[in-house]
Amino acid sequence: GKGAAELRIPETATPGSIRCRISLEASSVQAVVAALPYLLDYPHGCTEQTMNRFGPLADVAVAMKTLGVPVRGRLEELEAMQEAGLARLAQLQHSDGGFGWWESDASSPVMTALVVRGLTGLTGDTVVRMRGRAVNWLGRWWQQNAKRIHAHEAATVASVAMAVYEAGGSLPKGVLQQVLDTEKPITASPITQAWFLRAAHAAKMPEWVKTLRGRLVETAQTTNGMSWWPAQVPGRGAADDVVTRWQDDPIEATAEALFAIGKTGHAEHAALLQRGATWLLQHRPGGDRWRSTRDTAAAVRFLAAHAITTGELGTGRRVEVRQAGKPVGAITITKDTLFDGSSVIELPAEGLAPGATLDLEVVADGPGVIGAVNLAYFETGPAIRRSSNGLEVTRRWYRLDPVRTNGSVTWTRVPVTETVASGTLLECELVVKSGKARDYVMVQDPYAAGFEPAREYGMTVEGRRPASEAHIERYDDRTVFFVTLLPAGETVLRHLVRATHVGDFTALPAQAELMYFPDIRGNSDGEPLQVTEAGPTGVKGDR
């Protein structure tokens, strides 16, 4: 039928910078491929982000081959991208066979199980060797924790059991039965139930398969012809008004529940799976993607499998886009045009003026078509102001002056407001404040034009408290901190930059956000900075 949207272009938009595009999807296959650029171009390379790229690539490759769809565009790079993912995983695997977030941290059962899941079903010597070492690590972890396995979070236990059994491994005889009996998984969160269901299916435990699948089907919520899972643990209630833990993310919980049901009993629950697929497609905050790489990867995994099962490509449908009642573009979906870019229609630039209203309508000759409208523009104005939604960020600048004391050099910090000389070494101090402990926080500080990153080399700086522990990645345009657990209160992070170019610049705000729930975020003020010609250099004398 029809769909409509009305958007108003702000008066502050810069003329010539305004773009509006309508992405049309006639099937879940197109939605899956539309989400890939977000996953592929995500710049950070920890184990989880690597798997959130590598895993969906494998799923999409299988779907394309099974459905006989011609490969177009970035899909032509699938094989090369998979090889790059495997190479990165090889770097991340620890000497004990497990995986953590990074190369040098402790191995984690959650991260190791995630990698095993993504590698299961793939072939090749490198994959088999990597997966085998990881499965062995999970087996040792289980043995070492056997007497207190129930002290671990149920989702962790379920993910390990699922990964080991689906990879063809096994746990001590009868242990899964004991865990299922003791954990009482029918009262666990939906994502935990889904993983226990897959573990029971792989371990050939039909009674538990029937029980767990029945529980998931029974707890599915259905509204407006769509089905989903709320992801709250029964009895725990909503301790927060905002969900901020991946175990309680309804998008990931819905995708994982649907995947588990489809894997263990698709035929009898086909209608539920279709309603769930529709819900996922209608709940993409990013337009062509979901909230984070994690829930996007989970949704892509299910939708790719669902496309294989249904074989539905949406071919033969014609879709027309109208602006103010006048046609501005139309497409007809064919197998050859599914991924050639023709399903994205750009509005003519002459109709995109500041203050204009866009009255858009999409008309399709059949059901199941989804249209996403994206309006983008630049605007000029004063520096961005500080804002907070769960996290507060303050940035301070200090000039570092070298001082020779008793024959050794130490450094003193001098607060800086707006002006520094070219060549000056600056310490950027970021203070992130949270009212409660937060998991997996990413803090980014962009470099202002005229400044370049500098590395600390065993400097002794007077009068500052130690920085908080974080993994640091430095890029050409910013420094990024990854904090696994951000405690309540203040967290201090620091990095160095050097003024290199004379001029007047604006520093974009430093930003902090939860990696899996980026709407919980905050940013500092944007600030004007002036770099002047360099003055005399050297080290102050002994004191």
Protein backbone atom coordinates (compact mmCIF):
# COMPACT_ATOMS: atom_id res chain seq x y z
CA GLY A 1 0.00 0.00 0.00
CA LYS A 2 1.18 3.45 0.99
CA GLY A 3 3.43 5.06 3.52
CA ALA A 4 3.96 8.77 4.22
CA ALA A 5 6.40 11.00 6.07
CA GLU A 6 6.68 14.75 6.55
CA LEU A 7 10.03 16.32 7.36
CA ARG A 8 10.90 19.99 7.84
CA ILE A 9 14.38 21.22 6.95
CA PRO A 10 15.62 23.59 9.68
CA GLU A 11 16.10 27.24 8.81
CA THR A 12 19.67 26.92 10.13
CA ALA A 13 20.67 24.31 7.53
CA THR A 14 23.48 25.46 5.23
CA PRO A 15 22.26 25.80 1.63
CA GLY A 16 23.89 23.28 -0.67
CA SER A 17 24.65 20.84 2.16
CA ILE A 18 21.16 19.32 2.38
CA ARG A 19 20.55 15.77 1.17
CA CYS A 20 17.50 13.54 1.46
CA ARG A 21 17.42 9.93 0.40
CA ILE A 22 14.76 7.21 0.61
CA SER A 23 15.96 3.62 0.99
CA LEU A 24 13.43 1.03 -0.18
CA GLU A 25 13.53 -2.61 0.91
CA ALA A 26 11.20 -5.21 -0.51
CA SER A 27 12.60 -8.08 1.61
CA SER A 28 14.65 -8.84 4.71
CA VAL A 29 17.60 -9.72 2.45
CA GLN A 30 17.90 -6.09 1.38
CA ALA A 31 17.63 -4.97 5.00
CA VAL A 32 20.44 -7.34 5.95
CA VAL A 33 22.76 -6.01 3.26
CA ALA A 34 21.80 -2.39 4.05
CA ALA A 35 23.12 -2.88 7.61
CA LEU A 36 26.49 -4.28 6.51
CA PRO A 37 28.28 -0.96 5.80
CA TYR A 38 27.68 0.14 9.41
CA LEU A 39 29.23 -3.08 10.71
CA LEU A 40 32.06 -3.14 8.19
CA ASP A 41 33.05 0.50 8.66
CA TYR A 42 32.86 0.56 12.46
CA PRO A 43 36.41 1.69 13.26
CA HIS A 44 37.26 -0.11 16.50
CA GLY A 45 38.86 -3.55 16.59
CA CYS A 46 38.25 -5.34 19.90
CA THR A 47 37.20 -8.99 19.86
CA GLU A 48 33.49 -8.24 20.06
CA GLN A 49 33.52 -5.62 17.32
CA THR A 50 35.58 -7.95 15.12
CA MET A 51 33.02 -10.73 15.61
CA ASN A 52 30.17 -8.30 15.00
CA ARG A 53 31.68 -7.78 11.56
CA PHE A 54 32.98 -11.27 10.82
CA GLY A 55 29.92 -13.24 12.00
CA PRO A 56 27.33 -11.40 9.86
CA LEU A 57 29.65 -11.60 6.84
CA ALA A 58 29.60 -15.37 7.06
CA ASP A 59 25.82 -15.44 7.49
CA VAL A 60 25.24 -13.11 4.53
CA ALA A 61 27.65 -15.08 2.33
CA VAL A 62 25.71 -18.28 3.03
CA ALA A 63 22.37 -16.55 2.37
CA MET A 64 23.53 -15.07 -0.95
CA LYS A 65 24.84 -18.42 -2.16
CA THR A 66 21.75 -20.34 -1.04
CA LEU A 67 19.32 -17.86 -2.60
CA GLY A 68 21.32 -17.59 -5.81
CA VAL A 69 21.48 -13.81 -5.60
CA PRO A 70 24.08 -12.06 -7.83
CA VAL A 71 26.75 -10.37 -5.74
CA ARG A 72 26.96 -6.59 -6.25
CA GLY A 73 28.76 -3.63 -4.71
CA ARG A 74 30.49 -4.21 -1.39
CA LEU A 75 29.28 -7.81 -1.35
CA GLU A 76 31.96 -8.45 -3.95
CA GLU A 77 34.48 -7.93 -1.14
CA LEU A 78 32.98 -10.61 1.12
CA GLU A 79 35.80 -13.12 0.75
CA ALA A 80 38.55 -10.55 1.30
CA MET A 81 36.72 -9.10 4.32
CA GLN A 82 36.28 -12.56 5.85
CA GLU A 83 40.00 -13.22 5.46
CA ALA A 84 40.78 -9.90 7.14
CA GLY A 85 38.44 -10.81 10.01
CA LEU A 86 40.14 -14.15 10.53
CA ALA A 87 43.56 -12.50 10.52
CA ARG A 88 42.42 -10.02 13.19
CA LEU A 89 40.95 -12.83 15.33
CA ALA A 90 44.25 -14.68 15.12
CA GLN A 91 45.94 -11.58 16.55
CA LEU A 92 43.37 -11.34 19.35
CA GLN A 93 43.50 -14.99 20.45
CA HIS A 94 45.48 -15.37 23.67
CA SER A 95 48.24 -17.90 24.21
CA ASP A 96 45.89 -19.96 26.42
CA GLY A 97 43.40 -20.29 23.52
CA GLY A 98 40.80 -17.95 24.97
CA PHE A 99 39.73 -14.46 23.98
CA GLY A 100 39.29 -11.25 25.97
CA TRP A 101 38.29 -7.84 24.69
CA TRP A 102 41.84 -7.12 23.54
CA GLU A 103 45.11 -8.94 22.89
CA SER A 104 46.59 -8.34 26.33
CA ASP A 105 43.72 -8.67 28.83
CA ALA A 106 42.46 -11.79 30.61
CA SER A 107 40.54 -14.44 28.67
CA SER A 108 36.78 -14.19 29.18
CA PRO A 109 34.15 -16.95 28.91
CA VAL A 110 31.69 -14.52 27.29
CA MET A 111 34.15 -13.30 24.62
CA THR A 112 35.52 -16.78 23.96
CA ALA A 113 32.01 -18.22 23.58
CA LEU A 114 31.13 -15.38 21.20
CA VAL A 115 34.07 -16.25 18.93
CA VAL A 116 33.29 -19.97 18.99
CA ARG A 117 29.69 -19.23 17.98
CA GLY A 118 30.85 -17.11 15.04
CA LEU A 119 33.36 -19.73 13.83
CA THR A 120 31.05 -22.74 14.16
CA GLY A 121 30.01 -24.11 10.79
CA LEU A 122 32.96 -22.57 8.95
CA THR A 123 35.74 -24.67 7.43
CA GLY A 124 39.44 -24.23 6.75
CA ASP A 125 42.56 -25.09 8.72
CA THR A 126 42.86 -21.68 10.35
CA VAL A 127 39.22 -21.68 11.50
CA VAL A 128 39.33 -25.26 12.79
CA ARG A 129 42.54 -24.65 14.73
CA MET A 130 41.35 -21.35 16.22
CA ARG A 131 37.94 -22.76 17.16
CA GLY A 132 39.44 -25.91 18.68
CA ARG A 133 41.77 -23.94 20.96
CA ALA A 134 38.89 -21.71 22.07
CA VAL A 135 36.58 -24.69 22.75
CA ASN A 136 39.34 -26.29 24.83
CA TRP A 137 39.68 -23.08 26.84
CA LEU A 138 35.94 -23.03 27.52
CA GLY A 139 36.11 -26.67 28.65
CA ARG A 140 38.91 -25.85 31.10
CA TRP A 141 37.02 -22.80 32.35
CA TRP A 142 33.96 -24.95 33.03
CA GLN A 143 36.02 -27.58 34.84
CA GLN A 144 37.75 -24.96 36.99
CA ASN A 145 34.41 -23.37 37.89
CA ALA A 146 32.37 -26.60 38.15
CA LYS A 147 31.79 -26.31 41.90
CA ARG A 148 30.61 -22.70 41.66
CA ILE A 149 29.19 -22.60 38.14
CA HIS A 150 25.86 -21.37 39.49
CA ALA A 151 27.56 -18.31 40.97
CA HIS A 152 28.14 -17.05 37.44
CA GLU A 153 25.48 -15.10 35.60
CA ALA A 154 23.02 -17.42 33.87
CA ALA A 155 23.56 -15.72 30.50
CA THR A 156 27.30 -16.47 30.72
CA VAL A 157 26.70 -20.13 31.60
CA ALA A 158 24.16 -20.49 28.78
CA SER A 159 26.45 -18.88 26.19
CA VAL A 160 29.35 -21.19 27.10
CA ALA A 161 27.19 -24.34 27.01
CA MET A 162 25.67 -23.34 23.68
CA ALA A 163 29.05 -22.53 22.10
CA VAL A 164 30.69 -25.78 23.22
CA TYR A 165 27.86 -28.11 22.17
CA GLU A 166 27.16 -26.38 18.84
CA ALA A 167 30.87 -26.57 18.00
CA GLY A 168 30.74 -30.34 18.49
CA GLY A 169 32.39 -30.33 21.90
CA SER A 170 30.99 -31.61 25.17
CA LEU A 171 30.92 -30.83 28.85
CA PRO A 172 31.21 -33.36 31.70
CA LYS A 173 28.44 -35.94 31.48
CA GLY A 174 25.12 -34.79 32.90
CA VAL A 175 26.38 -31.31 33.73
CA LEU A 176 24.02 -29.48 31.37
CA GLN A 177 21.08 -31.37 32.84
CA GLN A 178 22.17 -30.29 36.32
CA VAL A 179 22.59 -26.68 35.22
CA LEU A 180 19.17 -26.60 33.58
CA ASP A 181 17.57 -28.10 36.68
CA THR A 182 19.36 -25.72 39.06
CA GLU A 183 19.32 -22.53 37.02
CA LYS A 184 15.57 -22.87 36.49
CA PRO A 185 15.96 -21.36 32.99
CA ILE A 186 12.21 -21.02 32.52
CA THR A 187 12.47 -17.99 34.84
CA ALA A 188 15.61 -16.58 33.17
CA SER A 189 15.70 -13.71 30.70
CA PRO A 190 14.60 -14.50 27.11
CA ILE A 191 18.14 -14.25 25.74
CA THR A 192 19.34 -16.76 28.35
CA GLN A 193 16.43 -19.08 27.54
CA ALA A 194 17.29 -18.86 23.84
CA TRP A 195 20.91 -19.86 24.45
CA PHE A 196 19.93 -22.70 26.79
CA LEU A 197 17.46 -23.86 24.11
CA ARG A 198 20.22 -24.02 21.49
CA ALA A 199 22.53 -25.80 23.94
CA ALA A 200 19.85 -28.39 24.72
CA HIS A 201 19.16 -28.86 21.01
CA ALA A 202 22.85 -29.40 20.21
CA ALA A 203 23.22 -31.74 23.20
CA LYS A 204 20.19 -33.77 22.00
CA MET A 205 17.95 -33.15 25.02
CA PRO A 206 14.46 -33.13 23.39
CA GLU A 207 12.45 -32.64 26.59
CA TRP A 208 14.33 -29.49 27.48
CA VAL A 209 14.08 -28.31 23.87
CA LYS A 210 10.32 -28.65 24.04
CA THR A 211 10.12 -26.91 27.43
CA LEU A 212 12.40 -23.99 26.61
CA ARG A 213 10.96 -23.36 23.16
CA GLY A 214 7.45 -23.48 24.58
CA ARG A 215 8.42 -20.95 27.24
CA LEU A 216 9.84 -18.56 24.64
CA VAL A 217 6.77 -18.87 22.43
CA GLU A 218 4.53 -18.32 25.42
CA THR A 219 6.31 -15.14 26.58
CA ALA A 220 6.44 -13.44 23.17
CA GLN A 221 4.62 -10.11 23.12
CA THR A 222 2.42 -9.40 20.09
CA THR A 223 1.18 -5.91 19.16
CA ASN A 224 0.00 -4.56 15.80
CA GLY A 225 0.75 -7.85 14.12
CA MET A 226 4.38 -7.87 15.31
CA SER A 227 6.05 -10.08 17.94
CA TRP A 228 8.96 -9.34 20.25
CA TRP A 229 10.44 -10.09 23.68
CA PRO A 230 10.78 -7.37 26.34
CA ALA A 231 14.03 -8.88 27.69
CA GLN A 232 13.32 -8.17 31.35
CA VAL A 233 14.12 -10.90 33.83
CA PRO A 234 10.78 -11.99 35.38
CA GLY A 235 10.53 -10.94 38.99
CA ARG A 236 13.42 -8.49 38.78
CA GLY A 237 11.37 -5.68 37.39
CA ALA A 238 12.73 -2.63 35.67
CA ALA A 239 15.35 -1.43 38.14
CA ASP A 240 16.16 1.39 35.74
CA ASP A 241 13.88 3.49 33.64
CA VAL A 242 16.39 2.97 30.80
CA VAL A 243 17.83 -0.41 29.82
CA THR A 244 21.63 -0.22 29.76
CA ARG A 245 22.83 -3.86 29.82
CA TRP A 246 23.07 -5.96 26.67
CA GLN A 247 21.33 -8.89 28.40
CA ASP A 248 18.22 -6.73 28.67
CA ASP A 249 18.24 -5.24 25.18
CA PRO A 250 14.88 -6.11 23.57
CA ILE A 251 16.34 -5.96 20.04
CA GLU A 252 19.09 -8.49 20.74
CA ALA A 253 16.79 -10.61 22.92
CA THR A 254 14.17 -10.73 20.15
CA ALA A 255 16.74 -11.61 17.47
CA GLU A 256 18.29 -14.36 19.60
CA ALA A 257 14.89 -15.79 20.61
CA LEU A 258 13.73 -15.87 17.00
CA PHE A 259 16.99 -17.48 15.86
CA ALA A 260 16.71 -20.21 18.51
CA ILE A 261 13.06 -20.93 17.70
CA GLY A 262 13.80 -21.03 13.98
CA LYS A 263 16.78 -23.33 14.48
CA THR A 264 14.82 -25.82 16.60
CA GLY A 265 11.32 -25.74 15.13
CA HIS A 266 10.70 -23.39 12.26
CA ALA A 267 7.80 -25.16 10.57
CA GLU A 268 5.37 -24.98 13.47
CA HIS A 269 6.24 -21.38 14.37
CA ALA A 270 6.60 -19.78 10.92
CA ALA A 271 3.96 -17.13 11.63
CA LEU A 272 5.67 -16.09 14.88
CA LEU A 273 9.03 -15.84 13.11
CA GLN A 274 7.56 -13.62 10.39
CA ARG A 275 5.94 -11.34 12.97
CA GLY A 276 9.28 -11.12 14.76
CA ALA A 277 11.13 -10.31 11.54
CA THR A 278 8.67 -7.49 10.88
CA TRP A 279 9.19 -6.11 14.41
CA LEU A 280 12.96 -6.09 13.97
CA LEU A 281 12.73 -4.31 10.63
CA GLN A 282 10.43 -1.67 12.12
CA HIS A 283 12.74 -0.99 15.08
CA ARG A 284 15.95 0.35 13.56
CA PRO A 285 16.90 3.58 15.33
CA GLY A 286 19.70 4.07 12.82
CA GLY A 287 17.36 3.88 9.81
CA ASP A 288 19.25 1.06 8.06
CA ARG A 289 20.74 -0.43 11.23
CA TRP A 290 19.93 -1.03 14.85
CA ARG A 291 21.27 0.66 17.98
CA SER A 292 24.75 -0.91 18.24
CA THR A 293 27.05 -3.31 16.45
CA ARG A 294 26.02 -6.03 18.86
CA ASP A 295 22.24 -5.95 18.32
CA THR A 296 22.75 -5.18 14.61
CA ALA A 297 24.85 -8.35 14.27
CA ALA A 298 22.21 -10.41 16.10
CA ALA A 299 19.42 -9.05 13.91
CA VAL A 300 21.41 -9.66 10.71
CA ARG A 301 22.14 -13.23 11.82
CA PHE A 302 18.46 -14.05 12.29
CA LEU A 303 17.19 -12.19 9.23
CA ALA A 304 19.76 -13.89 6.97
CA ALA A 305 18.66 -17.30 8.26
CA HIS A 306 15.01 -16.31 7.93
CA ALA A 307 15.55 -15.25 4.30
CA ILE A 308 17.05 -18.65 3.52
CA THR A 309 14.07 -20.41 5.07
CA THR A 310 11.38 -18.33 3.37
CA GLY A 311 13.21 -17.74 0.08
CA GLU A 312 11.38 -14.39 -0.10
CA LEU A 313 13.30 -11.77 -2.12
CA GLY A 314 10.46 -9.34 -2.90
CA THR A 315 11.25 -9.47 -6.60
CA GLY A 316 8.70 -8.16 -9.10
CA ARG A 317 7.41 -5.37 -6.88
CA ARG A 318 7.28 -1.80 -8.15
CA VAL A 319 7.73 1.09 -5.72
CA GLU A 320 7.27 4.79 -6.44
CA VAL A 321 8.34 7.78 -4.35
CA ARG A 322 6.39 11.05 -4.52
CA GLN A 323 7.17 14.51 -3.19
CA ALA A 324 4.18 16.83 -2.76
CA GLY A 325 2.19 14.42 -4.91
CA LYS A 326 4.67 14.42 -7.82
CA PRO A 327 6.75 11.32 -8.72
CA VAL A 328 10.48 11.76 -8.02
CA GLY A 329 11.64 8.18 -8.59
CA ALA A 330 10.53 4.58 -8.95
CA ILE A 331 12.16 1.14 -8.85
CA THR A 332 11.17 -2.38 -9.81
CA ILE A 333 12.83 -5.05 -7.67
CA THR A 334 14.57 -7.84 -9.59
CA LYS A 335 17.21 -10.35 -8.57
CA ASP A 336 19.79 -8.37 -10.52
CA THR A 337 18.90 -5.03 -8.89
CA LEU A 338 18.57 -6.16 -5.27
CA PHE A 339 21.98 -4.80 -4.32
CA ASP A 340 23.05 -2.51 -7.14
CA GLY A 341 22.09 0.71 -5.36
CA SER A 342 19.00 1.44 -7.44
CA SER A 343 16.75 0.96 -4.39
CA VAL A 344 18.06 4.24 -2.92
CA ILE A 345 16.35 7.34 -4.36
CA GLU A 346 17.89 10.79 -3.85
CA LEU A 347 15.56 13.80 -3.89
CA PRO A 348 16.52 16.57 -6.36
CA ALA A 349 18.77 19.20 -4.76
CA GLU A 350 16.67 22.12 -6.03
CA GLY A 351 13.79 21.19 -3.71
CA LEU A 352 15.99 21.01 -0.60
CA ALA A 353 16.08 24.53 0.84
CA PRO A 354 16.33 25.75 4.45
CA GLY A 355 12.85 25.96 5.99
CA ALA A 356 11.23 23.76 3.31
CA THR A 357 8.79 20.99 4.22
CA LEU A 358 9.19 17.62 2.52
CA ASP A 359 5.84 15.88 2.03
CA LEU A 360 6.87 12.36 1.03
CA GLU A 361 4.81 9.35 0.00
CA VAL A 362 5.89 5.81 -0.94
CA VAL A 363 3.49 3.73 -3.00
CA ALA A 364 4.07 -0.01 -3.55
CA ASP A 365 2.08 -2.53 -5.58
CA GLY A 366 2.37 -5.18 -2.87
CA PRO A 367 2.81 -5.60 0.90
CA GLY A 368 6.04 -5.99 2.82
CA VAL A 369 8.00 -3.00 1.48
CA ILE A 370 9.84 -0.85 4.03
CA GLY A 371 10.97 2.70 3.31
CA ALA A 372 13.48 4.62 5.42
CA VAL A 373 13.91 8.38 4.94
CA ASN A 374 17.21 10.04 5.85
CA LEU A 375 17.57 13.84 5.93
CA ALA A 376 21.11 15.16 6.42
CA TYR A 377 22.52 18.69 6.46
CA PHE A 378 25.26 20.86 7.93
CA GLU A 379 24.74 24.03 9.89
CA THR A 380 27.16 26.68 11.09
CA GLY A 381 27.03 28.50 14.36
CA PRO A 382 28.70 28.80 17.77
CA ALA A 383 30.62 25.90 19.32
CA ILE A 384 28.50 22.96 20.47
CA ARG A 385 27.41 23.25 24.09
CA ARG A 386 27.73 20.68 26.84
CA SER A 387 24.93 18.14 27.21
CA SER A 388 24.24 15.10 29.37
CA ASN A 389 21.97 12.07 29.27
CA GLY A 390 23.27 9.74 31.98
CA LEU A 391 26.94 10.74 31.58
CA GLU A 392 28.64 14.10 32.18
CA VAL A 393 31.87 15.02 30.40
CA THR A 394 34.26 17.85 31.29
CA ARG A 395 37.45 18.59 29.34
CA ARG A 396 40.38 20.58 30.70
CA TRP A 397 43.55 21.68 28.92
CA TYR A 398 46.97 21.97 30.55
CA ARG A 399 50.22 23.21 29.09
CA LEU A 400 53.11 20.95 30.12
CA ASP A 401 56.27 22.88 30.95
CA PRO A 402 59.55 20.97 31.48
CA VAL A 403 61.53 21.82 34.63
CA ARG A 404 64.99 20.47 35.51
CA THR A 405 65.20 19.53 39.17
CA ASN A 406 68.42 18.03 40.58
CA GLY A 407 69.53 17.03 37.12
CA SER A 408 66.27 15.33 36.05
CA VAL A 409 63.35 16.74 34.09
CA THR A 410 59.85 16.90 35.52
CA TRP A 411 56.79 18.60 34.08
CA THR A 412 54.38 21.09 35.56
CA ARG A 413 50.81 21.63 34.41
CA VAL A 414 49.61 25.14 33.61
CA PRO A 415 45.87 25.57 32.87
CA VAL A 416 45.15 26.79 29.34
CA THR A 417 42.02 28.65 28.22
CA GLU A 418 42.24 29.70 24.58
CA THR A 419 45.76 30.57 23.37
CA VAL A 420 48.93 28.48 23.07
CA ALA A 421 52.15 28.81 21.06
CA SER A 422 52.98 26.50 18.18
CA GLY A 423 55.01 23.54 19.46
CA THR A 424 53.32 23.55 22.89
CA LEU A 425 52.69 20.15 24.46
CA LEU A 426 49.17 19.97 25.93
CA GLU A 427 47.59 17.46 28.24
CA CYS A 428 43.87 16.92 27.61
CA GLU A 429 42.15 15.78 30.79
CA LEU A 430 38.68 14.26 30.45
CA VAL A 431 36.50 13.82 33.52
CA VAL A 432 33.53 11.51 33.01
CA LYS A 433 30.92 11.53 35.76
CA SER A 434 28.21 8.89 36.19
CA GLY A 435 25.64 8.52 38.94
CA LYS A 436 25.95 4.72 38.77
CA ALA A 437 28.39 2.07 37.55
CA ARG A 438 28.21 1.50 33.79
CA ASP A 439 29.41 -1.38 31.59
CA TYR A 440 31.42 -0.83 28.39
CA VAL A 441 31.83 2.92 27.99
CA MET A 442 33.58 4.54 25.03
CA VAL A 443 35.08 8.02 25.45
CA GLN A 444 36.28 9.94 22.37
CA ASP A 445 38.24 13.18 22.22
CA PRO A 446 38.61 14.62 18.69
CA TYR A 447 41.74 16.60 17.89
CA ALA A 448 41.18 20.22 16.95
CA ALA A 449 42.56 21.28 13.59
CA GLY A 450 46.07 22.61 14.20
CA PHE A 451 46.89 19.89 16.75
CA GLU A 452 48.44 16.45 16.43
CA PRO A 453 48.55 13.51 18.88
CA ALA A 454 51.65 13.06 21.05
CA ARG A 455 52.68 10.03 23.08
CA GLU A 456 53.67 10.08 26.73
CA TYR A 457 57.15 8.67 27.26
CA GLY A 458 57.60 8.04 30.96
CA MET A 459 56.98 11.64 31.95
CA THR A 460 56.83 12.69 35.58
CA VAL A 461 54.08 15.30 35.92
CA GLU A 462 53.69 17.09 39.21
CA GLY A 463 50.45 17.49 41.10
CA ARG A 464 48.00 15.29 39.24
CA ARG A 465 46.08 12.25 40.39
CA PRO A 466 46.53 8.99 38.45
CA ALA A 467 44.35 8.43 35.38
CA SER A 468 41.79 5.63 35.41
CA GLU A 469 42.51 2.32 33.70
CA ALA A 470 41.31 2.10 30.11
CA HIS A 471 42.27 0.62 26.77
CA ILE A 472 43.46 3.44 24.48
CA GLU A 473 43.39 3.64 20.70
CA ARG A 474 44.88 6.60 18.85
CA TYR A 475 43.70 7.61 15.39
CA ASP A 476 44.61 10.43 13.04
CA ASP A 477 41.66 12.52 14.18
CA ARG A 478 40.94 11.45 17.78
CA THR A 479 41.94 9.45 20.86
CA VAL A 480 39.46 6.81 22.04
CA PHE A 481 39.27 5.24 25.51
CA PHE A 482 37.41 1.99 26.21
CA VAL A 483 36.40 1.50 29.86
CA THR A 484 35.07 -1.98 30.62
CA LEU A 485 33.53 -0.92 33.94
CA LEU A 486 32.98 2.77 34.63
CA PRO A 487 32.47 3.21 38.39
CA ALA A 488 29.98 5.58 39.92
CA GLY A 489 31.46 9.02 40.49
CA GLU A 490 34.30 10.59 38.51
CA THR A 491 36.65 8.83 36.10
CA VAL A 492 39.74 10.71 34.86
CA LEU A 493 41.28 9.98 31.43
CA ARG A 494 44.22 11.78 29.78
CA HIS A 495 46.08 12.04 26.51
CA LEU A 496 48.60 14.41 24.94
CA VAL A 497 48.46 16.64 21.86
CA ARG A 498 50.90 19.14 20.41
CA ALA A 499 50.03 22.48 18.78
CA THR A 500 51.50 22.40 15.27
CA HIS A 501 49.73 24.96 13.04
CA VAL A 502 49.12 28.65 13.61
CA GLY A 503 45.49 29.77 13.40
CA ASP A 504 42.09 30.02 15.11
CA PHE A 505 40.33 26.68 15.59
CA THR A 506 37.33 25.11 17.31
CA ALA A 507 37.74 21.89 19.25
CA LEU A 508 34.75 19.59 18.85
CA PRO A 509 33.37 18.28 22.17
CA ALA A 510 34.76 15.21 23.92
CA GLN A 511 32.05 12.54 24.04
CA ALA A 512 31.22 9.54 26.25
CA GLU A 513 28.60 6.90 25.48
CA LEU A 514 27.64 3.36 26.34
CA MET A 515 28.87 1.20 23.48
CA TYR A 516 25.68 -0.84 23.26
CA PHE A 517 23.25 1.91 24.26
CA PRO A 518 24.68 5.10 22.71
CA ASP A 519 21.63 7.13 23.70
CA ILE A 520 23.15 7.06 27.23
CA ARG A 521 25.79 9.68 26.56
CA GLY A 522 27.23 13.08 27.28
CA ASN A 523 29.57 15.60 25.72
CA SER A 524 31.73 18.47 26.89
CA ASP A 525 31.63 21.99 25.49
CA GLY A 526 33.16 22.70 22.12
CA GLU A 527 35.92 25.27 22.64
CA PRO A 528 37.77 27.91 20.60
CA LEU A 529 41.54 27.50 20.51
CA GLN A 530 44.17 29.85 19.08
CA VAL A 531 47.68 28.73 18.11
CA THR A 532 50.22 31.55 17.83
CA GLU A 533 53.76 31.66 16.50
CA ALA A 534 56.23 29.70 18.63
CA GLY A 535 58.19 31.55 21.26
CA PRO A 536 61.53 30.63 22.88
CA THR A 537 61.91 26.93 23.68
CA GLY A 538 63.95 25.09 26.26
CA VAL A 539 63.92 23.75 29.80
CA LYS A 540 63.68 25.97 32.84
CA GLY A 541 66.75 25.94 35.03
CA ASP A 542 67.39 23.99 38.22
CA ARG A 543 65.44 24.98 41.25
